[in-house]
């Protein structure tokens, strides 16, 4: 007697998205959607996995879409959001860029007694150009 079991419901979704799950060249545009700071009071009270869940919830994407962008498996993403698995290194950076939330970085900074300060790239570029202009004007004189 042969017995067959139906595939689990999540398997169909994994199969549909398998092409994008392991795609290394996913473009993330942070210029159009700048990184957002989370409420500092929330960060002081929350746990690591709560900061990650907050980032996913505020991103406008579901956890499967974020997992596909990192790329990690959907089951591993569930473990990360439950706090039973880790997210670090370049995958954490990709997670922050994909969710456009600095909540995980703020949580790490809070644990170390530090603050996250966003820098203005345009202001830095203007300062560099002004310094170069002053240098060129000084050489000419």
N, C-alpha and C. Protein backbone atom coordinates (compact mmCIF):
# COMPACT_ATOMS: atom_id res chain seq x y z
N UNK A 1 0.84 -1.18 0.00
CA UNK A 1 0.00 0.00 0.00
C UNK A 1 0.89 1.24 0.00
N UNK A 2 0.62 2.12 -0.93
CA UNK A 2 1.43 3.31 -1.05
C UNK A 2 0.67 4.51 -0.50
N UNK A 3 1.37 5.33 0.28
CA UNK A 3 0.74 6.47 0.92
C UNK A 3 1.46 7.74 0.48
N UNK A 4 0.74 8.72 0.01
CA UNK A 4 1.37 9.98 -0.38
C UNK A 4 0.80 11.11 0.48
N UNK A 5 1.66 12.01 0.83
CA UNK A 5 1.24 13.17 1.62
C UNK A 5 1.26 14.41 0.75
N UNK A 6 0.31 15.29 0.94
CA UNK A 6 0.33 16.53 0.15
C UNK A 6 1.50 17.41 0.60
N UNK A 7 2.07 18.20 -0.31
CA UNK A 7 3.18 19.08 0.08
C UNK A 7 2.68 20.16 1.05
N UNK A 8 3.55 20.63 1.91
CA UNK A 8 3.15 21.70 2.83
C UNK A 8 2.78 22.97 2.06
N UNK A 9 1.96 23.81 2.67
CA UNK A 9 1.49 25.01 1.99
C UNK A 9 2.64 25.96 1.64
N UNK A 10 3.61 26.09 2.52
CA UNK A 10 4.69 27.04 2.27
C UNK A 10 5.58 26.62 1.11
N UNK A 11 5.60 25.33 0.78
CA UNK A 11 6.48 24.83 -0.27
C UNK A 11 6.13 25.44 -1.63
N UNK A 12 4.85 25.62 -1.92
CA UNK A 12 4.44 26.19 -3.20
C UNK A 12 5.00 27.60 -3.34
N UNK A 13 4.98 28.39 -2.26
CA UNK A 13 5.49 29.75 -2.33
C UNK A 13 7.01 29.74 -2.52
N UNK A 14 7.73 28.85 -1.85
CA UNK A 14 9.18 28.73 -2.02
C UNK A 14 9.51 28.40 -3.47
N UNK A 15 8.77 27.46 -4.06
CA UNK A 15 9.04 27.03 -5.42
C UNK A 15 8.80 28.17 -6.40
N UNK A 16 7.75 28.96 -6.18
CA UNK A 16 7.45 30.07 -7.08
C UNK A 16 8.55 31.11 -7.05
N UNK A 17 9.15 31.34 -5.89
CA UNK A 17 10.12 32.41 -5.74
C UNK A 17 11.56 31.91 -5.75
N UNK A 18 11.78 30.68 -6.13
CA UNK A 18 13.12 30.10 -6.05
C UNK A 18 14.12 30.88 -6.89
N UNK A 19 13.71 31.41 -8.03
CA UNK A 19 14.62 32.14 -8.89
C UNK A 19 15.14 33.38 -8.18
N UNK A 20 14.25 34.12 -7.49
CA UNK A 20 14.69 35.35 -6.83
C UNK A 20 15.36 35.09 -5.50
N UNK A 21 15.17 33.91 -4.90
CA UNK A 21 15.74 33.63 -3.59
C UNK A 21 17.26 33.68 -3.62
N UNK A 22 17.88 33.21 -4.67
CA UNK A 22 19.32 33.14 -4.72
C UNK A 22 19.93 34.11 -5.73
N UNK A 23 19.20 35.14 -6.08
CA UNK A 23 19.70 36.13 -7.04
C UNK A 23 20.63 37.12 -6.33
N UNK A 24 21.92 37.11 -6.66
CA UNK A 24 22.87 37.97 -5.94
C UNK A 24 22.82 39.43 -6.35
N UNK A 25 22.25 39.75 -7.50
CA UNK A 25 22.29 41.13 -7.95
C UNK A 25 20.93 41.81 -7.81
N UNK A 26 20.49 41.97 -6.58
CA UNK A 26 19.26 42.68 -6.29
C UNK A 26 19.63 44.13 -6.03
N UNK A 27 19.00 45.03 -6.77
CA UNK A 27 19.33 46.43 -6.59
C UNK A 27 18.53 47.01 -5.43
N UNK A 28 19.24 47.74 -4.60
CA UNK A 28 18.60 48.41 -3.48
C UNK A 28 18.91 49.89 -3.62
N UNK A 29 17.89 50.69 -3.81
CA UNK A 29 18.09 52.11 -4.03
C UNK A 29 17.78 52.84 -2.74
N UNK A 30 18.82 53.33 -2.07
CA UNK A 30 18.60 54.05 -0.81
C UNK A 30 18.47 55.54 -1.04
N UNK A 31 18.83 56.02 -2.22
CA UNK A 31 18.70 57.45 -2.49
C UNK A 31 17.23 57.85 -2.59
N UNK A 32 16.41 56.99 -3.21
CA UNK A 32 14.99 57.28 -3.33
C UNK A 32 14.26 57.06 -2.01
N UNK A 33 14.72 56.11 -1.24
CA UNK A 33 14.10 55.79 0.04
C UNK A 33 15.18 55.81 1.11
N UNK A 34 15.38 56.96 1.76
CA UNK A 34 16.45 57.04 2.74
C UNK A 34 16.19 56.15 3.94
N UNK A 35 17.26 55.82 4.63
CA UNK A 35 17.15 55.01 5.84
C UNK A 35 16.43 55.79 6.93
N UNK A 36 15.58 55.10 7.66
CA UNK A 36 14.76 55.74 8.68
C UNK A 36 15.23 55.35 10.07
N UNK A 37 15.33 56.34 10.95
CA UNK A 37 15.64 56.08 12.35
C UNK A 37 14.37 55.67 13.08
N UNK A 38 14.48 54.74 13.99
CA UNK A 38 13.34 54.32 14.82
C UNK A 38 13.26 55.21 16.05
N UNK A 39 12.12 55.18 16.70
CA UNK A 39 11.93 55.93 17.94
C UNK A 39 12.90 55.43 19.00
N UNK A 40 13.67 56.33 19.57
CA UNK A 40 14.72 55.94 20.52
C UNK A 40 14.15 55.29 21.78
N UNK A 41 12.99 55.73 22.25
CA UNK A 41 12.38 55.12 23.43
C UNK A 41 12.01 53.66 23.17
N UNK A 42 11.52 53.40 21.97
CA UNK A 42 11.20 52.02 21.59
C UNK A 42 12.46 51.17 21.59
N UNK A 43 13.54 51.70 21.01
CA UNK A 43 14.80 50.96 20.92
C UNK A 43 15.34 50.64 22.32
N UNK A 44 15.18 51.55 23.26
CA UNK A 44 15.67 51.31 24.63
C UNK A 44 14.94 50.15 25.30
N UNK A 45 13.67 49.98 24.96
CA UNK A 45 12.85 48.96 25.62
C UNK A 45 12.80 47.62 24.89
N UNK A 46 13.16 47.59 23.63
CA UNK A 46 12.93 46.37 22.84
C UNK A 46 14.12 45.42 22.90
N UNK A 47 13.87 44.21 22.40
CA UNK A 47 14.91 43.19 22.28
C UNK A 47 15.45 43.21 20.85
N UNK A 48 16.50 42.42 20.60
CA UNK A 48 17.09 42.35 19.26
C UNK A 48 16.07 41.89 18.23
N UNK A 49 15.37 40.79 18.52
CA UNK A 49 14.41 40.29 17.54
C UNK A 49 13.23 41.24 17.36
N UNK A 50 12.88 42.01 18.40
CA UNK A 50 11.82 43.01 18.25
C UNK A 50 12.27 44.14 17.31
N UNK A 51 13.54 44.51 17.38
CA UNK A 51 14.06 45.54 16.47
C UNK A 51 14.03 45.04 15.03
N UNK A 52 14.34 43.77 14.82
CA UNK A 52 14.29 43.20 13.47
C UNK A 52 12.86 43.13 12.96
N UNK A 53 11.93 42.68 13.82
CA UNK A 53 10.52 42.62 13.41
C UNK A 53 9.99 44.01 13.10
N UNK A 54 10.38 45.00 13.91
CA UNK A 54 9.97 46.39 13.67
C UNK A 54 10.43 46.85 12.29
N UNK A 55 11.68 46.54 11.95
CA UNK A 55 12.23 46.93 10.65
C UNK A 55 11.44 46.30 9.50
N UNK A 56 11.11 45.03 9.63
CA UNK A 56 10.35 44.35 8.58
C UNK A 56 8.95 44.93 8.48
N UNK A 57 8.30 45.17 9.60
CA UNK A 57 6.93 45.70 9.58
C UNK A 57 6.87 47.09 8.96
N UNK A 58 7.86 47.92 9.21
CA UNK A 58 7.87 49.28 8.68
C UNK A 58 8.34 49.35 7.22
N UNK A 59 8.87 48.26 6.70
CA UNK A 59 9.43 48.28 5.35
C UNK A 59 8.37 48.26 4.25
N UNK A 60 7.18 47.79 4.56
CA UNK A 60 6.16 47.65 3.53
C UNK A 60 6.26 46.33 2.79
N UNK A 61 7.22 45.49 3.16
CA UNK A 61 7.40 44.17 2.56
C UNK A 61 7.12 43.12 3.62
N UNK A 62 6.79 41.91 3.17
CA UNK A 62 6.64 40.85 4.17
C UNK A 62 7.99 40.18 4.40
N UNK A 63 8.04 39.32 5.40
CA UNK A 63 9.33 38.72 5.76
C UNK A 63 9.89 37.83 4.64
N UNK A 64 9.03 37.25 3.81
CA UNK A 64 9.51 36.44 2.69
C UNK A 64 10.24 37.31 1.66
N UNK A 65 9.69 38.49 1.37
CA UNK A 65 10.33 39.38 0.41
C UNK A 65 11.68 39.87 0.92
N UNK A 66 11.76 40.15 2.21
CA UNK A 66 13.02 40.57 2.80
C UNK A 66 14.02 39.42 2.76
N UNK A 67 13.56 38.21 3.07
CA UNK A 67 14.44 37.03 3.02
C UNK A 67 14.97 36.81 1.60
N UNK A 68 14.12 36.99 0.61
CA UNK A 68 14.56 36.83 -0.77
C UNK A 68 15.62 37.85 -1.15
N UNK A 69 15.52 39.06 -0.61
CA UNK A 69 16.47 40.12 -0.95
C UNK A 69 17.82 39.93 -0.28
N UNK A 70 17.87 39.21 0.84
CA UNK A 70 19.14 39.14 1.60
C UNK A 70 20.21 38.29 0.90
N UNK A 71 20.14 37.19 0.33
CA UNK A 71 19.14 36.13 0.28
C UNK A 71 19.38 35.06 1.35
N UNK A 72 18.31 34.73 2.04
CA UNK A 72 18.30 33.61 2.98
C UNK A 72 16.99 32.87 2.79
N UNK A 73 16.91 31.68 3.35
CA UNK A 73 15.67 30.91 3.21
C UNK A 73 14.57 31.51 4.08
N UNK A 74 13.35 31.23 3.69
CA UNK A 74 12.20 31.75 4.44
C UNK A 74 12.15 31.18 5.85
N UNK A 75 12.51 29.91 6.00
CA UNK A 75 12.48 29.31 7.34
C UNK A 75 13.55 29.93 8.24
N UNK A 76 14.72 30.25 7.67
CA UNK A 76 15.76 30.88 8.47
C UNK A 76 15.35 32.30 8.87
N UNK A 77 14.64 32.99 7.97
CA UNK A 77 14.13 34.33 8.30
C UNK A 77 13.15 34.26 9.45
N UNK A 78 12.30 33.25 9.46
CA UNK A 78 11.36 33.07 10.57
C UNK A 78 12.11 32.85 11.88
N UNK A 79 13.18 32.07 11.84
CA UNK A 79 13.98 31.83 13.04
C UNK A 79 14.64 33.12 13.51
N UNK A 80 15.11 33.94 12.58
CA UNK A 80 15.73 35.22 12.94
C UNK A 80 14.72 36.11 13.65
N UNK A 81 13.52 36.20 13.09
CA UNK A 81 12.50 37.07 13.67
C UNK A 81 11.97 36.55 15.00
N UNK A 82 12.13 35.26 15.26
CA UNK A 82 11.74 34.69 16.55
C UNK A 82 12.86 34.78 17.57
N UNK A 83 14.07 35.09 17.12
CA UNK A 83 15.20 35.22 18.02
C UNK A 83 15.98 33.94 18.24
N UNK A 84 15.71 32.92 17.45
CA UNK A 84 16.43 31.65 17.62
C UNK A 84 17.55 31.46 16.59
N UNK A 85 17.78 32.46 15.73
CA UNK A 85 18.87 32.42 14.76
C UNK A 85 19.46 33.82 14.65
N UNK A 86 20.67 33.90 14.12
CA UNK A 86 21.36 35.18 14.06
C UNK A 86 21.41 35.77 12.67
N UNK A 87 21.65 37.06 12.64
CA UNK A 87 21.82 37.80 11.40
C UNK A 87 22.98 38.76 11.62
N UNK A 88 24.04 38.62 10.83
CA UNK A 88 25.22 39.44 11.07
C UNK A 88 25.97 39.70 9.78
N UNK A 89 26.96 40.56 9.85
CA UNK A 89 27.83 40.85 8.71
C UNK A 89 27.10 41.48 7.55
N UNK A 90 27.49 41.06 6.35
CA UNK A 90 26.92 41.66 5.15
C UNK A 90 25.42 41.37 5.02
N UNK A 91 24.97 40.26 5.57
CA UNK A 91 23.54 39.96 5.52
C UNK A 91 22.76 40.97 6.37
N UNK A 92 23.33 41.38 7.50
CA UNK A 92 22.68 42.40 8.34
C UNK A 92 22.64 43.74 7.60
N UNK A 93 23.72 44.10 6.93
CA UNK A 93 23.75 45.34 6.16
C UNK A 93 22.71 45.31 5.06
N UNK A 94 22.62 44.19 4.36
CA UNK A 94 21.61 44.04 3.30
C UNK A 94 20.21 44.12 3.88
N UNK A 95 20.00 43.50 5.06
CA UNK A 95 18.70 43.56 5.74
C UNK A 95 18.33 45.02 6.04
N UNK A 96 19.27 45.78 6.57
CA UNK A 96 19.01 47.18 6.91
C UNK A 96 18.70 47.99 5.66
N UNK A 97 19.45 47.76 4.59
CA UNK A 97 19.19 48.48 3.34
C UNK A 97 17.85 48.09 2.75
N UNK A 98 17.52 46.81 2.79
CA UNK A 98 16.27 46.34 2.18
C UNK A 98 15.05 46.84 2.94
N UNK A 99 15.13 46.86 4.27
CA UNK A 99 14.00 47.33 5.07
C UNK A 99 14.00 48.84 5.23
N UNK A 100 15.12 49.48 4.88
CA UNK A 100 15.29 50.92 5.01
C UNK A 100 15.06 51.40 6.44
N UNK A 101 15.39 50.55 7.40
CA UNK A 101 15.22 50.88 8.81
C UNK A 101 16.55 50.69 9.54
N UNK A 102 16.92 51.67 10.33
CA UNK A 102 18.14 51.59 11.12
C UNK A 102 17.89 51.02 12.51
N UNK A 103 16.69 50.49 12.76
CA UNK A 103 16.35 49.96 14.09
C UNK A 103 17.36 48.91 14.58
N UNK A 104 17.78 47.93 13.77
CA UNK A 104 18.77 46.97 14.27
C UNK A 104 20.10 47.63 14.64
N UNK A 105 20.55 48.56 13.82
CA UNK A 105 21.79 49.27 14.11
C UNK A 105 21.64 50.13 15.36
N UNK A 106 20.49 50.77 15.51
CA UNK A 106 20.24 51.57 16.71
C UNK A 106 20.23 50.69 17.96
N UNK A 107 19.68 49.48 17.83
CA UNK A 107 19.65 48.57 18.99
C UNK A 107 21.08 48.21 19.39
N UNK A 108 21.93 47.90 18.42
CA UNK A 108 23.32 47.56 18.72
C UNK A 108 24.01 48.76 19.38
N UNK A 109 23.81 49.95 18.82
CA UNK A 109 24.42 51.15 19.37
C UNK A 109 23.93 51.40 20.80
N UNK A 110 22.66 51.18 21.05
CA UNK A 110 22.10 51.37 22.40
C UNK A 110 22.77 50.42 23.40
N UNK A 111 23.02 49.20 22.99
CA UNK A 111 23.67 48.23 23.89
C UNK A 111 25.10 48.65 24.22
N UNK A 112 25.73 49.41 23.33
CA UNK A 112 27.10 49.86 23.54
C UNK A 112 27.18 51.26 24.12
N UNK A 113 26.03 51.88 24.34
CA UNK A 113 26.01 53.24 24.87
C UNK A 113 26.39 54.29 23.84
N UNK A 114 26.10 54.02 22.58
CA UNK A 114 26.45 54.94 21.50
C UNK A 114 25.17 55.41 20.80
N UNK A 115 25.33 56.39 19.92
CA UNK A 115 24.21 56.91 19.14
C UNK A 115 24.49 56.71 17.66
N UNK A 116 23.44 56.63 16.88
CA UNK A 116 23.55 56.55 15.43
C UNK A 116 23.28 57.94 14.88
N UNK A 117 24.23 58.46 14.14
CA UNK A 117 24.09 59.79 13.54
C UNK A 117 24.20 59.63 12.03
N UNK A 118 23.19 60.09 11.32
CA UNK A 118 23.22 60.01 9.86
C UNK A 118 24.04 61.17 9.31
N UNK A 119 24.86 60.88 8.35
CA UNK A 119 25.65 61.93 7.73
C UNK A 119 24.99 62.35 6.42
N UNK A 120 25.17 63.59 6.10
CA UNK A 120 24.62 64.13 4.86
C UNK A 120 25.71 64.05 3.79
N UNK A 121 25.53 63.16 2.84
CA UNK A 121 26.55 62.95 1.81
C UNK A 121 26.77 64.20 0.97
N UNK A 122 25.71 64.94 0.70
CA UNK A 122 25.85 66.14 -0.12
C UNK A 122 26.68 67.18 0.61
N UNK A 123 26.44 67.35 1.90
CA UNK A 123 27.20 68.33 2.67
C UNK A 123 28.68 67.95 2.69
N UNK A 124 28.98 66.67 2.82
CA UNK A 124 30.37 66.22 2.79
C UNK A 124 31.00 66.49 1.43
N UNK A 125 30.26 66.25 0.37
CA UNK A 125 30.77 66.48 -0.98
C UNK A 125 31.01 67.97 -1.22
N UNK A 126 30.09 68.82 -0.75
CA UNK A 126 30.25 70.27 -0.89
C UNK A 126 31.50 70.73 -0.14
N UNK A 127 31.70 70.20 1.08
CA UNK A 127 32.87 70.57 1.87
C UNK A 127 34.16 70.16 1.16
N UNK A 128 34.18 68.97 0.55
CA UNK A 128 35.36 68.52 -0.20
C UNK A 128 35.63 69.42 -1.40
N UNK A 129 34.57 69.78 -2.11
CA UNK A 129 34.73 70.64 -3.28
C UNK A 129 35.21 72.03 -2.88
N UNK A 130 34.71 72.56 -1.78
CA UNK A 130 35.16 73.87 -1.31
C UNK A 130 36.64 73.81 -0.91
N UNK A 131 37.03 72.74 -0.23
CA UNK A 131 38.43 72.60 0.15
C UNK A 131 39.32 72.51 -1.08
N UNK A 132 38.88 71.79 -2.08
CA UNK A 132 39.64 71.66 -3.34
C UNK A 132 39.73 73.01 -4.04
N UNK A 133 38.63 73.78 -4.05
CA UNK A 133 38.61 75.10 -4.66
C UNK A 133 39.58 76.04 -3.95
N UNK A 134 39.58 76.00 -2.63
CA UNK A 134 40.51 76.83 -1.84
C UNK A 134 41.95 76.45 -2.15
N UNK A 135 42.19 75.16 -2.30
CA UNK A 135 43.53 74.69 -2.62
C UNK A 135 43.97 75.19 -3.99
N UNK A 136 43.08 75.11 -4.97
CA UNK A 136 43.40 75.55 -6.31
C UNK A 136 43.59 77.07 -6.37
N UNK A 137 42.78 77.82 -5.62
CA UNK A 137 42.93 79.26 -5.58
C UNK A 137 44.25 79.65 -4.91
N UNK A 138 44.66 78.89 -3.89
CA UNK A 138 45.92 79.15 -3.21
C UNK A 138 47.12 78.88 -4.11
N UNK A 139 47.03 77.85 -4.96
CA UNK A 139 48.11 77.52 -5.89
C UNK A 139 48.23 78.58 -6.97
N UNK A 140 47.11 79.17 -7.36
CA UNK A 140 47.09 80.14 -8.44
C UNK A 140 47.65 81.49 -7.99
N UNK A 141 47.49 81.80 -6.74
CA UNK A 141 47.93 83.12 -6.26
C UNK A 141 49.40 83.26 -6.06
